[in-house]
Amino acid sequence: MVGIAASALLERPRRGAAVLEVDELRALSTLAGRFRAFQQGLASLSQDSLAQTPALCRLAAPLTESRFAGLLESIEGKFEPDGSIADHASPELARIRRHMERQQRAIEDGLRRMLRRLEPEGSLQEDLITVRGERFVLPVKAEWKRRVPGVVHGASSSGQTFFIEPIETIEQ
């Protein structure tokens, strides 16, 4: 991200459009890192070196006096290496993600219990939990589909297997 794009992003909150996309926030976070490295580089120069580079000092002055430094610092370190937003980006996000993980574990535990209950009678096509349409489902043999109360999320191409989300996991 170069100067014009960065300044456009930084100006948006001032115009009332304070919402930035994740990619834009990541770009600003990268800018914050570069900004900090630049400031540290300037701070490490001796007074003699600074005196010999007045043009650099004039160019750097707006950056070191920037009112956006606080904004950039507030988003720095909020992203994971893969680009996703880190759990520690906000206390509320961390709380929501912990809740989602607990809920997912509870659903998986319920499905495992159901697998153990259904396996001996041979109603499952396979002894596994799978995902259909972002929902956890069990692969149930067609002739046993009425034995597993829940929502059918599809069937295999042969029609021999139905993918059922059990009622007890829907409630969770």
N, C-alpha and C. Protein backbone atom coordinates (compact mmCIF):
# COMPACT_ATOMS: atom_id res chain seq x y z
N MET A 1 0.86 -1.16 0.00
CA MET A 1 0.00 0.00 0.00
C MET A 1 0.90 1.22 0.00
N VAL A 2 0.67 2.08 -0.91
CA VAL A 2 1.49 3.28 -1.03
C VAL A 2 0.78 4.47 -0.42
N GLY A 3 1.49 5.60 -0.36
CA GLY A 3 1.01 6.78 0.33
C GLY A 3 -0.42 7.19 0.03
N ILE A 4 -0.81 7.24 -1.24
CA ILE A 4 -2.15 7.72 -1.59
C ILE A 4 -3.21 6.76 -1.06
N ALA A 5 -3.02 5.47 -1.26
CA ALA A 5 -4.00 4.49 -0.78
C ALA A 5 -4.10 4.52 0.74
N ALA A 6 -2.96 4.64 1.41
CA ALA A 6 -2.95 4.68 2.87
C ALA A 6 -3.67 5.91 3.37
N SER A 7 -3.38 7.05 2.75
CA SER A 7 -4.02 8.27 3.22
C SER A 7 -5.52 8.22 2.97
N ALA A 8 -5.95 7.58 1.87
CA ALA A 8 -7.39 7.45 1.59
C ALA A 8 -8.05 6.61 2.67
N LEU A 9 -7.42 5.52 3.08
CA LEU A 9 -7.98 4.68 4.13
C LEU A 9 -8.04 5.43 5.46
N LEU A 10 -6.99 6.19 5.74
CA LEU A 10 -6.94 6.91 7.00
C LEU A 10 -7.93 8.08 7.04
N GLU A 11 -8.29 8.60 5.89
CA GLU A 11 -9.23 9.71 5.83
C GLU A 11 -10.68 9.25 5.95
N ARG A 12 -10.98 7.99 5.62
CA ARG A 12 -12.36 7.51 5.64
C ARG A 12 -13.04 7.69 6.99
N PRO A 13 -12.38 7.38 8.12
CA PRO A 13 -13.06 7.61 9.39
C PRO A 13 -13.43 9.07 9.62
N ARG A 14 -12.64 9.97 9.08
CA ARG A 14 -12.95 11.40 9.25
C ARG A 14 -14.17 11.80 8.43
N ARG A 15 -14.45 11.10 7.34
CA ARG A 15 -15.60 11.42 6.49
C ARG A 15 -16.87 10.69 6.95
N GLY A 16 -16.79 9.96 8.05
CA GLY A 16 -17.97 9.26 8.56
C GLY A 16 -18.08 7.82 8.10
N ALA A 17 -17.19 7.37 7.22
CA ALA A 17 -17.20 5.98 6.76
C ALA A 17 -16.16 5.21 7.54
N ALA A 18 -16.44 4.95 8.81
CA ALA A 18 -15.44 4.40 9.72
C ALA A 18 -15.28 2.89 9.64
N VAL A 19 -16.01 2.23 8.76
CA VAL A 19 -15.90 0.78 8.65
C VAL A 19 -14.88 0.44 7.58
N LEU A 20 -13.90 -0.38 7.96
CA LEU A 20 -12.89 -0.84 7.01
C LEU A 20 -12.98 -2.35 6.90
N GLU A 21 -12.71 -2.86 5.71
CA GLU A 21 -12.70 -4.30 5.48
C GLU A 21 -11.44 -4.89 6.11
N VAL A 22 -11.46 -6.22 6.32
CA VAL A 22 -10.33 -6.90 6.95
C VAL A 22 -9.05 -6.67 6.16
N ASP A 23 -9.10 -6.75 4.83
CA ASP A 23 -7.90 -6.53 4.02
C ASP A 23 -7.37 -5.11 4.20
N GLU A 24 -8.26 -4.16 4.34
CA GLU A 24 -7.84 -2.77 4.55
C GLU A 24 -7.19 -2.62 5.92
N LEU A 25 -7.77 -3.26 6.93
CA LEU A 25 -7.18 -3.21 8.27
C LEU A 25 -5.81 -3.87 8.28
N ARG A 26 -5.69 -5.01 7.58
CA ARG A 26 -4.38 -5.68 7.51
C ARG A 26 -3.35 -4.79 6.83
N ALA A 27 -3.77 -4.09 5.77
CA ALA A 27 -2.85 -3.18 5.08
C ALA A 27 -2.41 -2.06 6.02
N LEU A 28 -3.35 -1.54 6.80
CA LEU A 28 -2.99 -0.50 7.77
C LEU A 28 -2.08 -1.05 8.86
N SER A 29 -2.29 -2.28 9.25
CA SER A 29 -1.43 -2.91 10.25
C SER A 29 0.00 -3.04 9.71
N THR A 30 0.11 -3.44 8.46
CA THR A 30 1.43 -3.52 7.82
C THR A 30 2.07 -2.14 7.78
N LEU A 31 1.27 -1.13 7.44
CA LEU A 31 1.76 0.24 7.41
C LEU A 31 2.26 0.66 8.79
N ALA A 32 1.54 0.27 9.83
CA ALA A 32 1.95 0.62 11.19
C ALA A 32 3.31 0.02 11.51
N GLY A 33 3.53 -1.23 11.10
CA GLY A 33 4.83 -1.86 11.33
C GLY A 33 5.94 -1.13 10.61
N ARG A 34 5.69 -0.76 9.38
CA ARG A 34 6.70 -0.01 8.61
C ARG A 34 6.93 1.37 9.21
N PHE A 35 5.86 1.99 9.64
CA PHE A 35 5.93 3.30 10.26
C PHE A 35 6.80 3.24 11.53
N ARG A 36 6.54 2.22 12.35
CA ARG A 36 7.32 2.07 13.59
C ARG A 36 8.80 1.81 13.27
N ALA A 37 9.07 0.94 12.30
CA ALA A 37 10.47 0.65 11.92
C ALA A 37 11.17 1.92 11.43
N PHE A 38 10.44 2.73 10.67
CA PHE A 38 11.01 3.98 10.19
C PHE A 38 11.32 4.91 11.35
N GLN A 39 10.39 5.03 12.30
CA GLN A 39 10.62 5.88 13.46
C GLN A 39 11.82 5.40 14.27
N GLN A 40 11.93 4.08 14.44
CA GLN A 40 13.06 3.53 15.20
C GLN A 40 14.37 3.79 14.46
N GLY A 41 14.33 3.69 13.14
CA GLY A 41 15.53 3.98 12.35
C GLY A 41 15.96 5.42 12.52
N LEU A 42 15.01 6.33 12.48
CA LEU A 42 15.33 7.75 12.68
C LEU A 42 15.87 8.00 14.08
N ALA A 43 15.26 7.37 15.07
CA ALA A 43 15.69 7.58 16.45
C ALA A 43 17.11 7.06 16.68
N SER A 44 17.51 6.08 15.89
CA SER A 44 18.85 5.52 16.09
C SER A 44 19.94 6.35 15.42
N LEU A 45 19.57 7.31 14.60
CA LEU A 45 20.57 8.16 13.95
C LEU A 45 21.16 9.15 14.95
N SER A 46 22.41 9.39 14.79
CA SER A 46 23.07 10.38 15.66
C SER A 46 22.63 11.78 15.23
N GLN A 47 22.85 12.74 16.11
CA GLN A 47 22.50 14.14 15.80
C GLN A 47 23.28 14.61 14.57
N ASP A 48 24.53 14.16 14.45
CA ASP A 48 25.34 14.54 13.28
C ASP A 48 24.70 14.03 12.00
N SER A 49 24.25 12.75 12.02
CA SER A 49 23.61 12.16 10.84
C SER A 49 22.33 12.89 10.49
N LEU A 50 21.54 13.22 11.51
CA LEU A 50 20.29 13.95 11.27
C LEU A 50 20.57 15.33 10.68
N ALA A 51 21.62 15.97 11.16
CA ALA A 51 21.99 17.30 10.65
C ALA A 51 22.44 17.21 9.19
N GLN A 52 22.99 16.07 8.80
CA GLN A 52 23.47 15.91 7.43
C GLN A 52 22.34 15.50 6.46
N THR A 53 21.17 15.19 7.01
CA THR A 53 20.05 14.75 6.16
C THR A 53 18.80 15.59 6.44
N PRO A 54 18.86 16.90 6.22
CA PRO A 54 17.70 17.74 6.51
C PRO A 54 16.47 17.38 5.66
N ALA A 55 16.70 16.95 4.42
CA ALA A 55 15.56 16.60 3.55
C ALA A 55 14.81 15.40 4.14
N LEU A 56 15.55 14.42 4.65
CA LEU A 56 14.92 13.25 5.26
C LEU A 56 14.12 13.67 6.49
N CYS A 57 14.68 14.55 7.28
CA CYS A 57 13.98 15.02 8.48
C CYS A 57 12.69 15.76 8.11
N ARG A 58 12.73 16.57 7.05
CA ARG A 58 11.52 17.28 6.61
C ARG A 58 10.46 16.29 6.12
N LEU A 59 10.87 15.26 5.39
CA LEU A 59 9.93 14.25 4.91
C LEU A 59 9.34 13.44 6.05
N ALA A 60 10.15 13.18 7.06
CA ALA A 60 9.72 12.35 8.18
C ALA A 60 8.84 13.09 9.17
N ALA A 61 8.94 14.39 9.22
CA ALA A 61 8.21 15.17 10.22
C ALA A 61 6.71 14.88 10.22
N PRO A 62 6.04 14.87 9.06
CA PRO A 62 4.59 14.58 9.10
C PRO A 62 4.29 13.17 9.64
N LEU A 63 5.18 12.23 9.36
CA LEU A 63 4.96 10.86 9.85
C LEU A 63 5.12 10.78 11.36
N THR A 64 6.16 11.42 11.88
CA THR A 64 6.41 11.32 13.31
C THR A 64 5.40 12.14 14.12
N GLU A 65 4.76 13.10 13.47
CA GLU A 65 3.76 13.93 14.15
C GLU A 65 2.34 13.50 13.80
N SER A 66 2.19 12.41 13.10
CA SER A 66 0.88 11.99 12.59
C SER A 66 -0.12 11.74 13.70
N ARG A 67 -1.31 12.27 13.52
CA ARG A 67 -2.39 12.02 14.48
C ARG A 67 -2.99 10.64 14.28
N PHE A 68 -2.57 9.92 13.21
CA PHE A 68 -3.08 8.59 12.96
C PHE A 68 -2.21 7.50 13.59
N ALA A 69 -1.12 7.90 14.21
CA ALA A 69 -0.22 6.91 14.81
C ALA A 69 -0.97 6.04 15.83
N GLY A 70 -1.83 6.65 16.63
CA GLY A 70 -2.59 5.89 17.63
C GLY A 70 -3.53 4.88 16.98
N LEU A 71 -4.18 5.29 15.89
CA LEU A 71 -5.06 4.37 15.17
C LEU A 71 -4.27 3.19 14.62
N LEU A 72 -3.15 3.49 14.00
CA LEU A 72 -2.33 2.42 13.43
C LEU A 72 -1.82 1.48 14.52
N GLU A 73 -1.39 2.04 15.64
CA GLU A 73 -0.91 1.19 16.74
C GLU A 73 -2.03 0.34 17.32
N SER A 74 -3.25 0.85 17.32
CA SER A 74 -4.36 0.09 17.91
C SER A 74 -4.72 -1.15 17.09
N ILE A 75 -4.41 -1.16 15.79
CA ILE A 75 -4.72 -2.35 14.98
C ILE A 75 -3.50 -3.24 14.77
N GLU A 76 -2.33 -2.73 15.14
CA GLU A 76 -1.11 -3.51 14.96
C GLU A 76 -1.15 -4.77 15.84
N GLY A 77 -0.79 -5.90 15.27
CA GLY A 77 -0.74 -7.16 16.01
C GLY A 77 -2.09 -7.83 16.19
N LYS A 78 -3.11 -7.34 15.54
CA LYS A 78 -4.46 -7.91 15.69
C LYS A 78 -4.75 -9.00 14.66
N PHE A 79 -3.77 -9.32 13.81
CA PHE A 79 -3.99 -10.30 12.75
C PHE A 79 -3.04 -11.47 12.88
N GLU A 80 -3.54 -12.64 12.52
CA GLU A 80 -2.72 -13.86 12.48
C GLU A 80 -1.93 -13.87 11.18
N PRO A 81 -0.87 -14.68 11.11
CA PRO A 81 -0.08 -14.75 9.87
C PRO A 81 -0.91 -15.11 8.63
N ASP A 82 -1.98 -15.89 8.82
CA ASP A 82 -2.81 -16.27 7.68
C ASP A 82 -3.78 -15.17 7.26
N GLY A 83 -3.77 -14.03 7.96
CA GLY A 83 -4.63 -12.92 7.60
C GLY A 83 -5.92 -12.85 8.39
N SER A 84 -6.23 -13.87 9.17
CA SER A 84 -7.46 -13.84 9.95
C SER A 84 -7.29 -12.93 11.17
N ILE A 85 -8.40 -12.50 11.71
CA ILE A 85 -8.36 -11.63 12.88
C ILE A 85 -8.05 -12.50 14.10
N ALA A 86 -7.09 -12.08 14.90
CA ALA A 86 -6.65 -12.83 16.08
C ALA A 86 -7.72 -12.79 17.17
N ASP A 87 -7.78 -13.87 17.95
CA ASP A 87 -8.74 -13.93 19.06
C ASP A 87 -8.56 -12.75 20.01
N HIS A 88 -7.32 -12.35 20.24
CA HIS A 88 -7.05 -11.28 21.20
C HIS A 88 -7.30 -9.87 20.62
N ALA A 89 -7.85 -9.79 19.41
CA ALA A 89 -8.11 -8.49 18.81
C ALA A 89 -9.08 -7.67 19.66
N SER A 90 -10.01 -8.36 20.32
CA SER A 90 -10.90 -7.67 21.26
C SER A 90 -11.39 -8.68 22.28
N PRO A 91 -11.68 -8.23 23.48
CA PRO A 91 -12.20 -9.15 24.50
C PRO A 91 -13.52 -9.81 24.07
N GLU A 92 -14.36 -9.07 23.39
CA GLU A 92 -15.65 -9.60 22.94
C GLU A 92 -15.45 -10.71 21.90
N LEU A 93 -14.53 -10.48 20.95
CA LEU A 93 -14.25 -11.51 19.94
C LEU A 93 -13.70 -12.76 20.61
N ALA A 94 -12.81 -12.61 21.55
CA ALA A 94 -12.24 -13.77 22.27
C ALA A 94 -13.36 -14.52 23.00
N ARG A 95 -14.28 -13.80 23.64
CA ARG A 95 -15.39 -14.43 24.34
C ARG A 95 -16.29 -15.20 23.38
N ILE A 96 -16.61 -14.59 22.25
CA ILE A 96 -17.48 -15.23 21.26
C ILE A 96 -16.82 -16.49 20.70
N ARG A 97 -15.55 -16.41 20.38
CA ARG A 97 -14.86 -17.59 19.83
C ARG A 97 -14.75 -18.72 20.86
N ARG A 98 -14.51 -18.39 22.13
CA ARG A 98 -14.48 -19.42 23.18
C ARG A 98 -15.85 -20.10 23.28
N HIS A 99 -16.89 -19.29 23.25
CA HIS A 99 -18.25 -19.84 23.31
C HIS A 99 -18.52 -20.76 22.12
N MET A 100 -18.11 -20.35 20.94
CA MET A 100 -18.31 -21.17 19.74
C MET A 100 -17.54 -22.49 19.83
N GLU A 101 -16.33 -22.43 20.34
CA GLU A 101 -15.53 -23.66 20.50
C GLU A 101 -16.19 -24.62 21.49
N ARG A 102 -16.68 -24.08 22.62
CA ARG A 102 -17.38 -24.93 23.60
C ARG A 102 -18.62 -25.55 22.98
N GLN A 103 -19.34 -24.76 22.23
CA GLN A 103 -20.56 -25.26 21.60
C GLN A 103 -20.23 -26.34 20.57
N GLN A 104 -19.19 -26.13 19.78
CA GLN A 104 -18.80 -27.13 18.79
C GLN A 104 -18.37 -28.43 19.47
N ARG A 105 -17.60 -28.32 20.57
CA ARG A 105 -17.20 -29.53 21.31
C ARG A 105 -18.42 -30.27 21.85
N ALA A 106 -19.40 -29.53 22.36
CA ALA A 106 -20.61 -30.16 22.89
C ALA A 106 -21.37 -30.90 21.78
N ILE A 107 -21.45 -30.29 20.61
CA ILE A 107 -22.13 -30.93 19.48
C ILE A 107 -21.38 -32.20 19.06
N GLU A 108 -20.05 -32.10 18.96
CA GLU A 108 -19.25 -33.27 18.57
C GLU A 108 -19.37 -34.38 19.61
N ASP A 109 -19.38 -34.02 20.89
CA ASP A 109 -19.54 -35.04 21.94
C ASP A 109 -20.90 -35.72 21.82
N GLY A 110 -21.95 -34.94 21.57
CA GLY A 110 -23.27 -35.52 21.38
C GLY A 110 -23.32 -36.46 20.19
N LEU A 111 -22.66 -36.08 19.11
CA LEU A 111 -22.63 -36.93 17.92
C LEU A 111 -21.85 -38.22 18.18
N ARG A 112 -20.75 -38.11 18.93
CA ARG A 112 -19.98 -39.32 19.26
C ARG A 112 -20.81 -40.29 20.11
N ARG A 113 -21.56 -39.74 21.07
CA ARG A 113 -22.44 -40.58 21.88
C ARG A 113 -23.47 -41.28 21.00
N MET A 114 -24.02 -40.54 20.05
CA MET A 114 -25.01 -41.12 19.16
C MET A 114 -24.36 -42.19 18.27
N LEU A 115 -23.13 -41.94 17.82
CA LEU A 115 -22.41 -42.95 17.02
C LEU A 115 -22.27 -44.25 17.81
N ARG A 116 -21.86 -44.14 19.06
CA ARG A 116 -21.69 -45.33 19.90
C ARG A 116 -23.01 -46.05 20.11
N ARG A 117 -24.09 -45.30 20.20
CA ARG A 117 -25.41 -45.89 20.40
C ARG A 117 -25.93 -46.58 19.14
N LEU A 118 -25.67 -45.99 17.96
CA LEU A 118 -26.21 -46.51 16.70
C LEU A 118 -25.34 -47.58 16.06
N GLU A 119 -24.05 -47.55 16.34
CA GLU A 119 -23.12 -48.47 15.69
C GLU A 119 -23.48 -49.96 15.88
N PRO A 120 -23.79 -50.42 17.09
CA PRO A 120 -24.08 -51.85 17.27
C PRO A 120 -25.26 -52.36 16.45
N GLU A 121 -26.24 -51.50 16.17
CA GLU A 121 -27.40 -51.97 15.42
C GLU A 121 -27.21 -51.92 13.91
N GLY A 122 -26.09 -51.34 13.46
CA GLY A 122 -25.77 -51.33 12.03
C GLY A 122 -26.53 -50.31 11.22
N SER A 123 -27.02 -49.24 11.85
CA SER A 123 -27.80 -48.25 11.11
C SER A 123 -26.93 -47.21 10.40
N LEU A 124 -25.65 -47.18 10.73
CA LEU A 124 -24.76 -46.18 10.11
C LEU A 124 -24.06 -46.77 8.89
N GLN A 125 -23.95 -45.96 7.88
CA GLN A 125 -23.20 -46.37 6.69
C GLN A 125 -21.71 -46.44 7.04
N GLU A 126 -21.25 -45.45 7.80
CA GLU A 126 -19.86 -45.40 8.25
C GLU A 126 -19.85 -44.86 9.68
N ASP A 127 -18.82 -45.23 10.43
CA ASP A 127 -18.69 -44.79 11.81
C ASP A 127 -17.90 -43.48 11.83
N LEU A 128 -18.54 -42.40 11.34
CA LEU A 128 -17.86 -41.11 11.32
C LEU A 128 -18.86 -39.98 11.36
N ILE A 129 -18.34 -38.82 11.74
CA ILE A 129 -19.12 -37.58 11.73
C ILE A 129 -18.65 -36.81 10.52
N THR A 130 -19.58 -36.29 9.74
CA THR A 130 -19.20 -35.53 8.56
C THR A 130 -19.92 -34.19 8.57
N VAL A 131 -19.63 -33.35 7.60
CA VAL A 131 -20.24 -32.01 7.54
C VAL A 131 -20.93 -31.86 6.19
N ARG A 132 -22.16 -31.39 6.25
CA ARG A 132 -22.93 -31.07 5.04
C ARG A 132 -23.54 -29.69 5.26
N GLY A 133 -23.28 -28.79 4.34
CA GLY A 133 -23.86 -27.45 4.47
C GLY A 133 -23.52 -26.79 5.79
N GLU A 134 -22.28 -26.94 6.24
CA GLU A 134 -21.78 -26.37 7.50
C GLU A 134 -22.50 -26.92 8.73
N ARG A 135 -23.13 -28.07 8.61
CA ARG A 135 -23.80 -28.72 9.73
C ARG A 135 -23.17 -30.09 9.94
N PHE A 136 -23.03 -30.49 11.21
CA PHE A 136 -22.51 -31.81 11.52
C PHE A 136 -23.61 -32.84 11.32
N VAL A 137 -23.31 -33.88 10.56
CA VAL A 137 -24.31 -34.90 10.25
C VAL A 137 -23.71 -36.30 10.40
N LEU A 138 -24.61 -37.28 10.48
CA LEU A 138 -24.22 -38.68 10.53
C LEU A 138 -24.65 -39.36 9.23
N PRO A 139 -23.81 -40.21 8.64
CA PRO A 139 -24.20 -40.95 7.43
C PRO A 139 -25.03 -42.19 7.83
N VAL A 140 -26.33 -42.13 7.61
CA VAL A 140 -27.24 -43.18 8.04
C VAL A 140 -27.72 -43.97 6.82
N LYS A 141 -27.75 -45.28 6.96
CA LYS A 141 -28.26 -46.12 5.88
C LYS A 141 -29.72 -45.77 5.60
N ALA A 142 -30.09 -45.81 4.32
CA ALA A 142 -31.42 -45.39 3.90
C ALA A 142 -32.53 -46.10 4.67
N GLU A 143 -32.38 -47.41 4.87
CA GLU A 143 -33.44 -48.16 5.54
C GLU A 143 -33.58 -47.81 7.03
N TRP A 144 -32.59 -47.12 7.59
CA TRP A 144 -32.61 -46.75 9.01
C TRP A 144 -32.87 -45.26 9.24
N LYS A 145 -33.15 -44.52 8.18
CA LYS A 145 -33.24 -43.06 8.34
C LYS A 145 -34.35 -42.62 9.31
N ARG A 146 -35.40 -43.39 9.43
CA ARG A 146 -36.48 -43.03 10.36
C ARG A 146 -36.08 -43.31 11.81
N ARG A 147 -35.04 -44.09 12.00
CA ARG A 147 -34.56 -44.45 13.35
C ARG A 147 -33.77 -43.31 14.00
N VAL A 148 -33.28 -42.39 13.17
CA VAL A 148 -32.47 -41.26 13.67
C VAL A 148 -33.29 -39.98 13.49
N PRO A 149 -33.95 -39.51 14.54
CA PRO A 149 -34.74 -38.28 14.42
C PRO A 149 -33.82 -37.08 14.19
N GLY A 150 -34.16 -36.31 13.18
CA GLY A 150 -33.37 -35.12 12.88
C GLY A 150 -33.69 -34.56 11.52
N VAL A 151 -32.82 -33.72 11.04
CA VAL A 151 -33.00 -33.04 9.75
C VAL A 151 -32.08 -33.70 8.72
N VAL A 152 -32.67 -34.10 7.58
CA VAL A 152 -31.89 -34.69 6.50
C VAL A 152 -31.26 -33.55 5.71
N HIS A 153 -29.94 -33.59 5.57
CA HIS A 153 -29.20 -32.55 4.84
C HIS A 153 -28.70 -33.05 3.51
N GLY A 154 -29.26 -34.13 3.03
CA GLY A 154 -28.88 -34.64 1.72
C GLY A 154 -28.76 -36.15 1.73
N ALA A 155 -28.54 -36.67 0.54
CA ALA A 155 -28.37 -38.11 0.38
C ALA A 155 -27.23 -38.35 -0.59
N SER A 156 -26.68 -39.55 -0.51
CA SER A 156 -25.60 -39.91 -1.44
C SER A 156 -26.19 -40.05 -2.84
N SER A 157 -25.34 -40.06 -3.85
CA SER A 157 -25.82 -40.18 -5.22
C SER A 157 -26.53 -41.51 -5.45
N SER A 158 -26.14 -42.54 -4.72
CA SER A 158 -26.78 -43.85 -4.87
C SER A 158 -28.11 -43.92 -4.12
N GLY A 159 -28.34 -42.98 -3.19
CA GLY A 159 -29.56 -43.00 -2.39
C GLY A 159 -29.49 -43.98 -1.23
N GLN A 160 -28.34 -44.60 -1.04
CA GLN A 160 -28.19 -45.59 0.03
C GLN A 160 -27.85 -44.96 1.38
N THR A 161 -27.39 -43.70 1.35
CA THR A 161 -26.98 -43.03 2.58
C THR A 161 -27.68 -41.68 2.69
N PHE A 162 -28.21 -41.39 3.87
CA PHE A 162 -28.80 -40.09 4.16
C PHE A 162 -27.94 -39.42 5.21
N PHE A 163 -27.72 -38.12 5.03
CA PHE A 163 -26.89 -37.36 5.96
C PHE A 163 -27.83 -36.60 6.89
N ILE A 164 -27.88 -37.08 8.14
CA ILE A 164 -28.86 -36.57 9.09
C ILE A 164 -28.19 -35.83 10.24
N GLU A 165 -28.72 -34.64 10.53
CA GLU A 165 -28.30 -33.89 11.71
C GLU A 165 -29.28 -34.25 12.83
N PRO A 166 -28.81 -34.98 13.83
CA PRO A 166 -29.72 -35.42 14.90
C PRO A 166 -30.34 -34.24 15.66
N ILE A 167 -31.58 -34.45 16.09
CA ILE A 167 -32.33 -33.42 16.84
C ILE A 167 -31.52 -32.92 18.04
N GLU A 168 -30.88 -33.83 18.76
CA GLU A 168 -30.18 -33.39 19.97
C GLU A 168 -29.04 -32.42 19.67
N THR A 169 -28.42 -32.53 18.50
CA THR A 169 -27.36 -31.56 18.18
C THR A 169 -27.94 -30.27 17.64
N ILE A 170 -29.11 -30.33 17.04
CA ILE A 170 -29.77 -29.09 16.58
C ILE A 170 -30.09 -28.23 17.79
N GLU A 171 -30.55 -28.86 18.86
CA GLU A 171 -30.88 -28.12 20.08
C GLU A 171 -29.65 -27.48 20.72
N GLN A 172 -28.50 -28.12 20.54
CA GLN A 172 -27.27 -27.56 21.10
C GLN A 172 -26.82 -26.39 20.27
